Structure formats: C-alpha cells, structure tokens
Amino acid sequence: MTPARMDMKAAAQRVHGAVRRVPRELRGDALYEDAERAVREGITPLSMPLSLEDTDGAAQRVLGTVEKLRAEVARRAGA
C-alpha cells in the first residue's frame, strides 16, 4: 500500500471515529446506524489495491455519507 493510500485510510478511520462520537440521542437512529455502517464499510476498499479512480470513489462515498449525516444533525438541531 502506498503512503498516500495509507494516509487516506487513516483519514477515513479518523472520520469513522468522529461518526462514532455522535450525540447519544442519535445512537440507534436509522440515519446514524446507516451512516456509521456505510463509513465503516467504506474503509475496507481503501485497504485494497485499487486504481486511483476507485480509491477516489471510495473516499468520496465516505465523505458524502458524513456530509449527509452532518446536514441532518444540523437540521434536527434547528441550525
């Protein structure tokens, strides 16, 4: 695995850690559960020997999932 891919995987793992630290009220919520699973599953492809496009796609999916979760948390908070 190249250093760049290792960095990408490490960043995705940090994102997963952040997702797992959501407010207690969201735990068990389908939105959170789906996002947590999608981010966790998105890390796996980053460990595989993928093309640059596939790596980029996996990273984009992780980021997109987190952005949707962030937007919904903000909406529910009335922000």
PDB file of N, CA and C in Angstrom:
ATOM      1  N   MET A   1       0.861  -1.165   0.000  1.00  0.00           N
ATOM      2  CA  MET A   1       0.000   0.000   0.000  1.00  0.00           C
ATOM      3  C   MET A   1       0.915   1.237   0.000  1.00  0.00           C
ATOM      4  N   THR A   2       0.594   2.174  -0.853  1.00  0.00           N
ATOM      5  CA  THR A   2       1.404   3.384  -0.952  1.00  0.00           C
ATOM      6  C   THR A   2       1.175   4.281   0.262  1.00  0.00           C
ATOM      7  N   PRO A   3       2.136   5.162   0.537  1.00  0.00           N
ATOM      8  CA  PRO A   3       1.944   6.091   1.660  1.00  0.00           C
ATOM      9  C   PRO A   3       0.682   6.943   1.507  1.00  0.00           C
ATOM     10  N   ALA A   4       0.362   7.354   0.290  1.00  0.00           N
ATOM     11  CA  ALA A   4      -0.837   8.166   0.071  1.00  0.00           C
ATOM     12  C   ALA A   4      -2.096   7.384   0.422  1.00  0.00           C
ATOM     13  N   ARG A   5      -2.146   6.123   0.044  1.00  0.00           N
ATOM     14  CA  ARG A   5      -3.317   5.303   0.384  1.00  0.00           C
ATOM     15  C   ARG A   5      -3.383   5.041   1.883  1.00  0.00           C
ATOM     16  N   MET A   6      -2.230   4.862   2.502  1.00  0.00           N
ATOM     17  CA  MET A   6      -2.213   4.678   3.954  1.00  0.00           C
ATOM     18  C   MET A   6      -2.754   5.931   4.640  1.00  0.00           C
ATOM     19  N   ASP A   7      -2.374   7.108   4.133  1.00  0.00           N
ATOM     20  CA  ASP A   7      -2.886   8.361   4.685  1.00  0.00           C
ATOM     21  C   ASP A   7      -4.396   8.467   4.485  1.00  0.00           C
ATOM     22  N   MET A   8      -4.863   8.071   3.301  1.00  0.00           N
ATOM     23  CA  MET A   8      -6.292   8.130   3.001  1.00  0.00           C
ATOM     24  C   MET A   8      -7.062   7.196   3.929  1.00  0.00           C
ATOM     25  N   LYS A   9      -6.546   5.995   4.132  1.00  0.00           N
ATOM     26  CA  LYS A   9      -7.217   5.049   5.019  1.00  0.00           C
ATOM     27  C   LYS A   9      -7.216   5.583   6.448  1.00  0.00           C
ATOM     28  N   ALA A  10      -6.102   6.142   6.888  1.00  0.00           N
ATOM     29  CA  ALA A  10      -6.028   6.692   8.243  1.00  0.00           C
ATOM     30  C   ALA A  10      -7.030   7.830   8.414  1.00  0.00           C
ATOM     31  N   ALA A  11      -7.163   8.672   7.407  1.00  0.00           N
ATOM     32  CA  ALA A  11      -8.133   9.771   7.467  1.00  0.00           C
ATOM     33  C   ALA A  11      -9.552   9.216   7.548  1.00  0.00           C
ATOM     34  N   ALA A  12      -9.848   8.193   6.756  1.00  0.00           N
ATOM     35  CA  ALA A  12     -11.179   7.578   6.784  1.00  0.00           C
ATOM     36  C   ALA A  12     -11.449   6.956   8.151  1.00  0.00           C
ATOM     37  N   GLN A  13     -10.434   6.372   8.754  1.00  0.00           N
ATOM     38  CA  GLN A  13     -10.607   5.789  10.095  1.00  0.00           C
ATOM     39  C   GLN A  13     -10.872   6.883  11.128  1.00  0.00           C
ATOM     40  N   ARG A  14     -10.224   8.034  10.984  1.00  0.00           N
ATOM     41  CA  ARG A  14     -10.495   9.151  11.891  1.00  0.00           C
ATOM     42  C   ARG A  14     -11.930   9.653  11.707  1.00  0.00           C
ATOM     43  N   VAL A  15     -12.390   9.691  10.452  1.00  0.00           N
ATOM     44  CA  VAL A  15     -13.766  10.089  10.179  1.00  0.00           C
ATOM     45  C   VAL A  15     -14.722   9.105  10.843  1.00  0.00           C
ATOM     46  N   HIS A  16     -14.422   7.825  10.737  1.00  0.00           N
ATOM     47  CA  HIS A  16     -15.273   6.815  11.366  1.00  0.00           C
ATOM     48  C   HIS A  16     -15.314   7.032  12.871  1.00  0.00           C
ATOM     49  N   GLY A  17     -14.169   7.341  13.467  1.00  0.00           N
ATOM     50  CA  GLY A  17     -14.132   7.625  14.893  1.00  0.00           C
ATOM     51  C   GLY A  17     -15.007   8.815  15.256  1.00  0.00           C
ATOM     52  N   ALA A  18     -14.976   9.846  14.419  1.00  0.00           N
ATOM     53  CA  ALA A  18     -15.804  11.031  14.661  1.00  0.00           C
ATOM     54  C   ALA A  18     -17.288  10.684  14.547  1.00  0.00           C
ATOM     55  N   VAL A  19     -17.633   9.888  13.564  1.00  0.00           N
ATOM     56  CA  VAL A  19     -19.032   9.474  13.391  1.00  0.00           C
ATOM     57  C   VAL A  19     -19.495   8.697  14.618  1.00  0.00           C
ATOM     58  N   ARG A  20     -18.625   7.885  15.157  1.00  0.00           N
ATOM     59  CA  ARG A  20     -18.998   7.071  16.319  1.00  0.00           C
ATOM     60  C   ARG A  20     -19.180   7.900  17.584  1.00  0.00           C
ATOM     61  N   ARG A  21     -18.724   9.155  17.563  1.00  0.00           N
ATOM     62  CA  ARG A  21     -18.872  10.019  18.734  1.00  0.00           C
ATOM     63  C   ARG A  21     -20.071  10.965  18.607  1.00  0.00           C
ATOM     64  N   VAL A  22     -21.090  10.552  17.857  1.00  0.00           N
ATOM     65  CA  VAL A  22     -22.280  11.394  17.715  1.00  0.00           C
ATOM     66  C   VAL A  22     -22.974  11.538  19.065  1.00  0.00           C
ATOM     67  N   PRO A  23     -23.812  12.547  19.200  1.00  0.00           N
ATOM     68  CA  PRO A  23     -24.570  12.685  20.444  1.00  0.00           C
ATOM     69  C   PRO A  23     -25.383  11.419  20.755  1.00  0.00           C
ATOM     70  N   ARG A  24     -25.493  11.151  22.007  1.00  0.00           N
ATOM     71  CA  ARG A  24     -26.188   9.946  22.469  1.00  0.00           C
ATOM     72  C   ARG A  24     -27.585   9.816  21.882  1.00  0.00           C
ATOM     73  N   GLU A  25     -28.255  10.944  21.653  1.00  0.00           N
ATOM     74  CA  GLU A  25     -29.622  10.918  21.138  1.00  0.00           C
ATOM     75  C   GLU A  25     -29.710  10.279  19.749  1.00  0.00           C
ATOM     76  N   LEU A  26     -28.618  10.322  18.996  1.00  0.00           N
ATOM     77  CA  LEU A  26     -28.653   9.760  17.648  1.00  0.00           C
ATOM     78  C   LEU A  26     -28.345   8.272  17.595  1.00  0.00           C
ATOM     79  N   ARG A  27     -27.744   7.747  18.624  1.00  0.00           N
ATOM     80  CA  ARG A  27     -27.411   6.319  18.602  1.00  0.00           C
ATOM     81  C   ARG A  27     -28.694   5.513  18.552  1.00  0.00           C
ATOM     82  N   GLY A  28     -28.722   4.546  17.679  1.00  0.00           N
ATOM     83  CA  GLY A  28     -29.921   3.743  17.486  1.00  0.00           C
ATOM     84  C   GLY A  28     -30.843   4.301  16.415  1.00  0.00           C
ATOM     85  N   ASP A  29     -30.627   5.554  16.018  1.00  0.00           N
ATOM     86  CA  ASP A  29     -31.407   6.173  14.944  1.00  0.00           C
ATOM     87  C   ASP A  29     -30.973   5.554  13.616  1.00  0.00           C
ATOM     88  N   ALA A  30     -31.912   5.252  12.757  1.00  0.00           N
ATOM     89  CA  ALA A  30     -31.595   4.609  11.471  1.00  0.00           C
ATOM     90  C   ALA A  30     -30.627   5.446  10.646  1.00  0.00           C
ATOM     91  N   LEU A  31     -30.783   6.754  10.651  1.00  0.00           N
ATOM     92  CA  LEU A  31     -29.877   7.625   9.905  1.00  0.00           C
ATOM     93  C   LEU A  31     -28.438   7.429  10.366  1.00  0.00           C
ATOM     94  N   TYR A  32     -28.239   7.467  11.678  1.00  0.00           N
ATOM     95  CA  TYR A  32     -26.896   7.283  12.227  1.00  0.00           C
ATOM     96  C   TYR A  32     -26.382   5.880  11.956  1.00  0.00           C
ATOM     97  N   GLU A  33     -27.200   4.882  12.227  1.00  0.00           N
ATOM     98  CA  GLU A  33     -26.774   3.494  12.029  1.00  0.00           C
ATOM     99  C   GLU A  33     -26.355   3.244  10.584  1.00  0.00           C
ATOM    100  N   ASP A  34     -27.129   3.760   9.640  1.00  0.00           N
ATOM    101  CA  ASP A  34     -26.789   3.597   8.216  1.00  0.00           C
ATOM    102  C   ASP A  34     -25.490   4.317   7.879  1.00  0.00           C
ATOM    103  N   ALA A  35     -25.322   5.528   8.393  1.00  0.00           N
ATOM    104  CA  ALA A  35     -24.106   6.294   8.114  1.00  0.00           C
ATOM    105  C   ALA A  35     -22.887   5.620   8.723  1.00  0.00           C
ATOM    106  N   GLU A  36     -23.004   5.163   9.951  1.00  0.00           N
ATOM    107  CA  GLU A  36     -21.866   4.502  10.609  1.00  0.00           C
ATOM    108  C   GLU A  36     -21.458   3.261   9.841  1.00  0.00           C
ATOM    109  N   ARG A  37     -22.432   2.475   9.414  1.00  0.00           N
ATOM    110  CA  ARG A  37     -22.140   1.250   8.655  1.00  0.00           C
ATOM    111  C   ARG A  37     -21.499   1.591   7.312  1.00  0.00           C
ATOM    112  N   ALA A  38     -22.040   2.588   6.625  1.00  0.00           N
ATOM    113  CA  ALA A  38     -21.506   2.965   5.318  1.00  0.00           C
ATOM    114  C   ALA A  38     -20.065   3.460   5.417  1.00  0.00           C
ATOM    115  N   VAL A  39     -19.775   4.242   6.448  1.00  0.00           N
ATOM    116  CA  VAL A  39     -18.396   4.723   6.623  1.00  0.00           C
ATOM    117  C   VAL A  39     -17.481   3.552   6.957  1.00  0.00           C
ATOM    118  N   ARG A  40     -17.910   2.695   7.868  1.00  0.00           N
ATOM    119  CA  ARG A  40     -17.097   1.522   8.237  1.00  0.00           C
ATOM    120  C   ARG A  40     -16.817   0.658   7.013  1.00  0.00           C
ATOM    121  N   GLU A  41     -17.846   0.404   6.229  1.00  0.00           N
ATOM    122  CA  GLU A  41     -17.674  -0.413   5.025  1.00  0.00           C
ATOM    123  C   GLU A  41     -16.845   0.317   3.972  1.00  0.00           C
ATOM    124  N   GLY A  42     -16.880   1.638   3.971  1.00  0.00           N
ATOM    125  CA  GLY A  42     -16.101   2.408   3.014  1.00  0.00           C
ATOM    126  C   GLY A  42     -14.615   2.366   3.273  1.00  0.00           C
ATOM    127  N   ILE A  43     -14.221   2.047   4.493  1.00  0.00           N
ATOM    128  CA  ILE A  43     -12.801   1.959   4.833  1.00  0.00           C
ATOM    129  C   ILE A  43     -12.169   0.729   4.195  1.00  0.00           C
ATOM    130  N   THR A  44     -12.896  -0.357   4.119  1.00  0.00           N
ATOM    131  CA  THR A  44     -12.356  -1.616   3.605  1.00  0.00           C
ATOM    132  C   THR A  44     -11.748  -1.481   2.211  1.00  0.00           C
ATOM    133  N   PRO A  45     -12.437  -0.874   1.247  1.00  0.00           N
ATOM    134  CA  PRO A  45     -11.826  -0.759  -0.081  1.00  0.00           C
ATOM    135  C   PRO A  45     -10.529   0.046  -0.090  1.00  0.00           C
ATOM    136  N   LEU A  46     -10.375   0.946   0.871  1.00  0.00           N
ATOM    137  CA  LEU A  46      -9.160   1.754   0.908  1.00  0.00           C
ATOM    138  C   LEU A  46      -7.944   0.931   1.311  1.00  0.00           C
ATOM    139  N   SER A  47      -8.152  -0.285   1.821  1.00  0.00           N
ATOM    140  CA  SER A  47      -7.064  -1.182   2.183  1.00  0.00           C
ATOM    141  C   SER A  47      -6.649  -2.077   1.029  1.00  0.00           C
ATOM    142  N   MET A  48      -7.436  -2.085  -0.023  1.00  0.00           N
ATOM    143  CA  MET A  48      -7.193  -2.983  -1.160  1.00  0.00           C
ATOM    144  C   MET A  48      -6.402  -2.268  -2.242  1.00  0.00           C
ATOM    145  N   PRO A  49      -5.743  -3.041  -3.073  1.00  0.00           N
ATOM    146  CA  PRO A  49      -5.018  -2.430  -4.190  1.00  0.00           C
ATOM    147  C   PRO A  49      -5.995  -1.982  -5.277  1.00  0.00           C
ATOM    148  N   LEU A  50      -6.437  -0.749  -5.182  1.00  0.00           N
ATOM    149  CA  LEU A  50      -7.404  -0.202  -6.121  1.00  0.00           C
ATOM    150  C   LEU A  50      -6.730   0.775  -7.072  1.00  0.00           C
ATOM    151  N   SER A  51      -7.410   1.035  -8.152  1.00  0.00           N
ATOM    152  CA  SER A  51      -6.937   2.090  -9.042  1.00  0.00           C
ATOM    153  C   SER A  51      -7.145   3.427  -8.336  1.00  0.00           C
ATOM    154  N   LEU A  52      -6.500   4.455  -8.832  1.00  0.00           N
ATOM    155  CA  LEU A  52      -6.656   5.789  -8.251  1.00  0.00           C
ATOM    156  C   LEU A  52      -8.116   6.217  -8.293  1.00  0.00           C
ATOM    157  N   GLU A  53      -8.809   5.915  -9.385  1.00  0.00           N
ATOM    158  CA  GLU A  53     -10.219   6.285  -9.513  1.00  0.00           C
ATOM    159  C   GLU A  53     -11.076   5.553  -8.486  1.00  0.00           C
ATOM    160  N   ASP A  54     -10.795   4.275  -8.251  1.00  0.00           N
ATOM    161  CA  ASP A  54     -11.554   3.503  -7.264  1.00  0.00           C
ATOM    162  C   ASP A  54     -11.290   4.011  -5.847  1.00  0.00           C
ATOM    163  N   THR A  55     -10.036   4.345  -5.577  1.00  0.00           N
ATOM    164  CA  THR A  55      -9.692   4.890  -4.267  1.00  0.00           C
ATOM    165  C   THR A  55     -10.405   6.212  -4.057  1.00  0.00           C
ATOM    166  N   ASP A  56     -10.376   7.061  -5.076  1.00  0.00           N
ATOM    167  CA  ASP A  56     -11.050   8.351  -5.004  1.00  0.00           C
ATOM    168  C   ASP A  56     -12.546   8.156  -4.797  1.00  0.00           C
ATOM    169  N   GLY A  57     -13.134   7.207  -5.519  1.00  0.00           N
ATOM    170  CA  GLY A  57     -14.563   6.927  -5.381  1.00  0.00           C
ATOM    171  C   GLY A  57     -14.917   6.472  -3.977  1.00  0.00           C
ATOM    172  N   ALA A  58     -14.104   5.594  -3.399  1.00  0.00           N
ATOM    173  CA  ALA A  58     -14.363   5.111  -2.043  1.00  0.00           C
ATOM    174  C   ALA A  58     -14.275   6.264  -1.049  1.00  0.00           C
ATOM    175  N   ALA A  59     -13.279   7.105  -1.201  1.00  0.00           N
ATOM    176  CA  ALA A  59     -13.125   8.257  -0.303  1.00  0.00           C
ATOM    177  C   ALA A  59     -14.291   9.227  -0.470  1.00  0.00           C
ATOM    178  N   GLN A  60     -14.717   9.456  -1.691  1.00  0.00           N
ATOM    179  CA  GLN A  60     -15.845  10.357  -1.935  1.00  0.00           C
ATOM    180  C   GLN A  60     -17.130   9.824  -1.312  1.00  0.00           C
ATOM    181  N   ARG A  61     -17.329   8.518  -1.361  1.00  0.00           N
ATOM    182  CA  ARG A  61     -18.528   7.929  -0.752  1.00  0.00           C
ATOM    183  C   ARG A  61     -18.511   8.123   0.765  1.00  0.00           C
ATOM    184  N   VAL A  62     -17.350   7.926   1.379  1.00  0.00           N
ATOM    185  CA  VAL A  62     -17.234   8.137   2.826  1.00  0.00           C
ATOM    186  C   VAL A  62     -17.559   9.590   3.159  1.00  0.00           C
ATOM    187  N   LEU A  63     -16.950  10.515   2.432  1.00  0.00           N
ATOM    188  CA  LEU A  63     -17.187  11.932   2.692  1.00  0.00           C
ATOM    189  C   LEU A  63     -18.641  12.325   2.436  1.00  0.00           C
ATOM    190  N   GLY A  64     -19.237  11.792   1.388  1.00  0.00           N
ATOM    191  CA  GLY A  64     -20.637  12.086   1.085  1.00  0.00           C
ATOM    192  C   GLY A  64     -21.566  11.593   2.180  1.00  0.00           C
ATOM    193  N   THR A  65     -21.288  10.426   2.698  1.00  0.00           N
ATOM    194  CA  THR A  65     -22.094   9.873   3.788  1.00  0.00           C
ATOM    195  C   THR A  65     -22.011  10.755   5.024  1.00  0.00           C
ATOM    196  N   VAL A  66     -20.799  11.182   5.347  1.00  0.00           N
ATOM    197  CA  VAL A  66     -20.612  12.021   6.523  1.00  0.00           C
ATOM    198  C   VAL A  66     -21.284  13.381   6.326  1.00  0.00           C
ATOM    199  N   GLU A  67     -21.219  13.919   5.136  1.00  0.00           N
ATOM    200  CA  GLU A  67     -21.860  15.209   4.864  1.00  0.00           C
ATOM    201  C   GLU A  67     -23.377  15.094   5.030  1.00  0.00           C
ATOM    202  N   LYS A  68     -23.973  14.013   4.561  1.00  0.00           N
ATOM    203  CA  LYS A  68     -25.414  13.821   4.733  1.00  0.00           C
ATOM    204  C   LYS A  68     -25.771  13.726   6.210  1.00  0.00           C
ATOM    205  N   LEU A  69     -24.960  13.004   6.964  1.00  0.00           N
ATOM    206  CA  LEU A  69     -25.202  12.882   8.402  1.00  0.00           C
ATOM    207  C   LEU A  69     -25.069  14.244   9.069  1.00  0.00           C
ATOM    208  N   ARG A  70     -24.042  14.999   8.729  1.00  0.00           N
ATOM    209  CA  ARG A  70     -23.828  16.324   9.306  1.00  0.00           C
ATOM    210  C   ARG A  70     -25.008  17.245   9.015  1.00  0.00           C
ATOM    211  N   ALA A  71     -25.472  17.230   7.774  1.00  0.00           N
ATOM    212  CA  ALA A  71     -26.588  18.088   7.383  1.00  0.00           C
ATOM    213  C   ALA A  71     -27.859  17.717   8.148  1.00  0.00           C
ATOM    214  N   GLU A  72     -28.105  16.447   8.325  1.00  0.00           N
ATOM    215  CA  GLU A  72     -29.305  16.028   9.039  1.00  0.00           C
ATOM    216  C   GLU A  72     -29.211  16.358  10.525  1.00  0.00           C
ATOM    217  N   VAL A  73     -28.041  16.187  11.111  1.00  0.00           N
ATOM    218  CA  VAL A  73     -27.869  16.552  12.520  1.00  0.00           C
ATOM    219  C   VAL A  73     -28.108  18.056  12.682  1.00  0.00           C
ATOM    220  N   ALA A  74     -27.562  18.852  11.780  1.00  0.00           N
ATOM    221  CA  ALA A  74     -27.772  20.308  11.837  1.00  0.00           C
ATOM    222  C   ALA A  74     -29.255  20.647  11.671  1.00  0.00           C
ATOM    223  N   ARG A  75     -29.937  19.971  10.746  1.00  0.00           N
ATOM    224  CA  ARG A  75     -31.352  20.234  10.525  1.00  0.00           C
ATOM    225  C   ARG A  75     -32.159  19.910  11.778  1.00  0.00           C
ATOM    226  N   ARG A  76     -31.861  18.773  12.386  1.00  0.00           N
ATOM    227  CA  ARG A  76     -32.592  18.374  13.582  1.00  0.00           C
ATOM    228  C   ARG A  76     -32.310  19.313  14.749  1.00  0.00           C
ATOM    229  N   ALA A  77     -31.131  19.891  14.759  1.00  0.00           N
ATOM    230  CA  ALA A  77     -30.773  20.820  15.831  1.00  0.00           C
ATOM    231  C   ALA A  77     -31.338  22.208  15.576  1.00  0.00           C
ATOM    232  N   GLY A  78     -31.924  22.400  14.391  1.00  0.00           N
ATOM    233  CA  GLY A  78     -32.510  23.671  14.062  1.00  0.00           C
ATOM    234  C   GLY A  78     -31.509  24.703  13.593  1.00  0.00           C
ATOM    235  N   ALA A  79     -30.340  24.239  13.183  1.00  0.00           N
ATOM    236  CA  ALA A  79     -29.293  25.160  12.722  1.00  0.00           C
ATOM    237  C   ALA A  79     -29.447  25.486  11.250  1.00  0.00           C
TER     238      ALA A  79
END
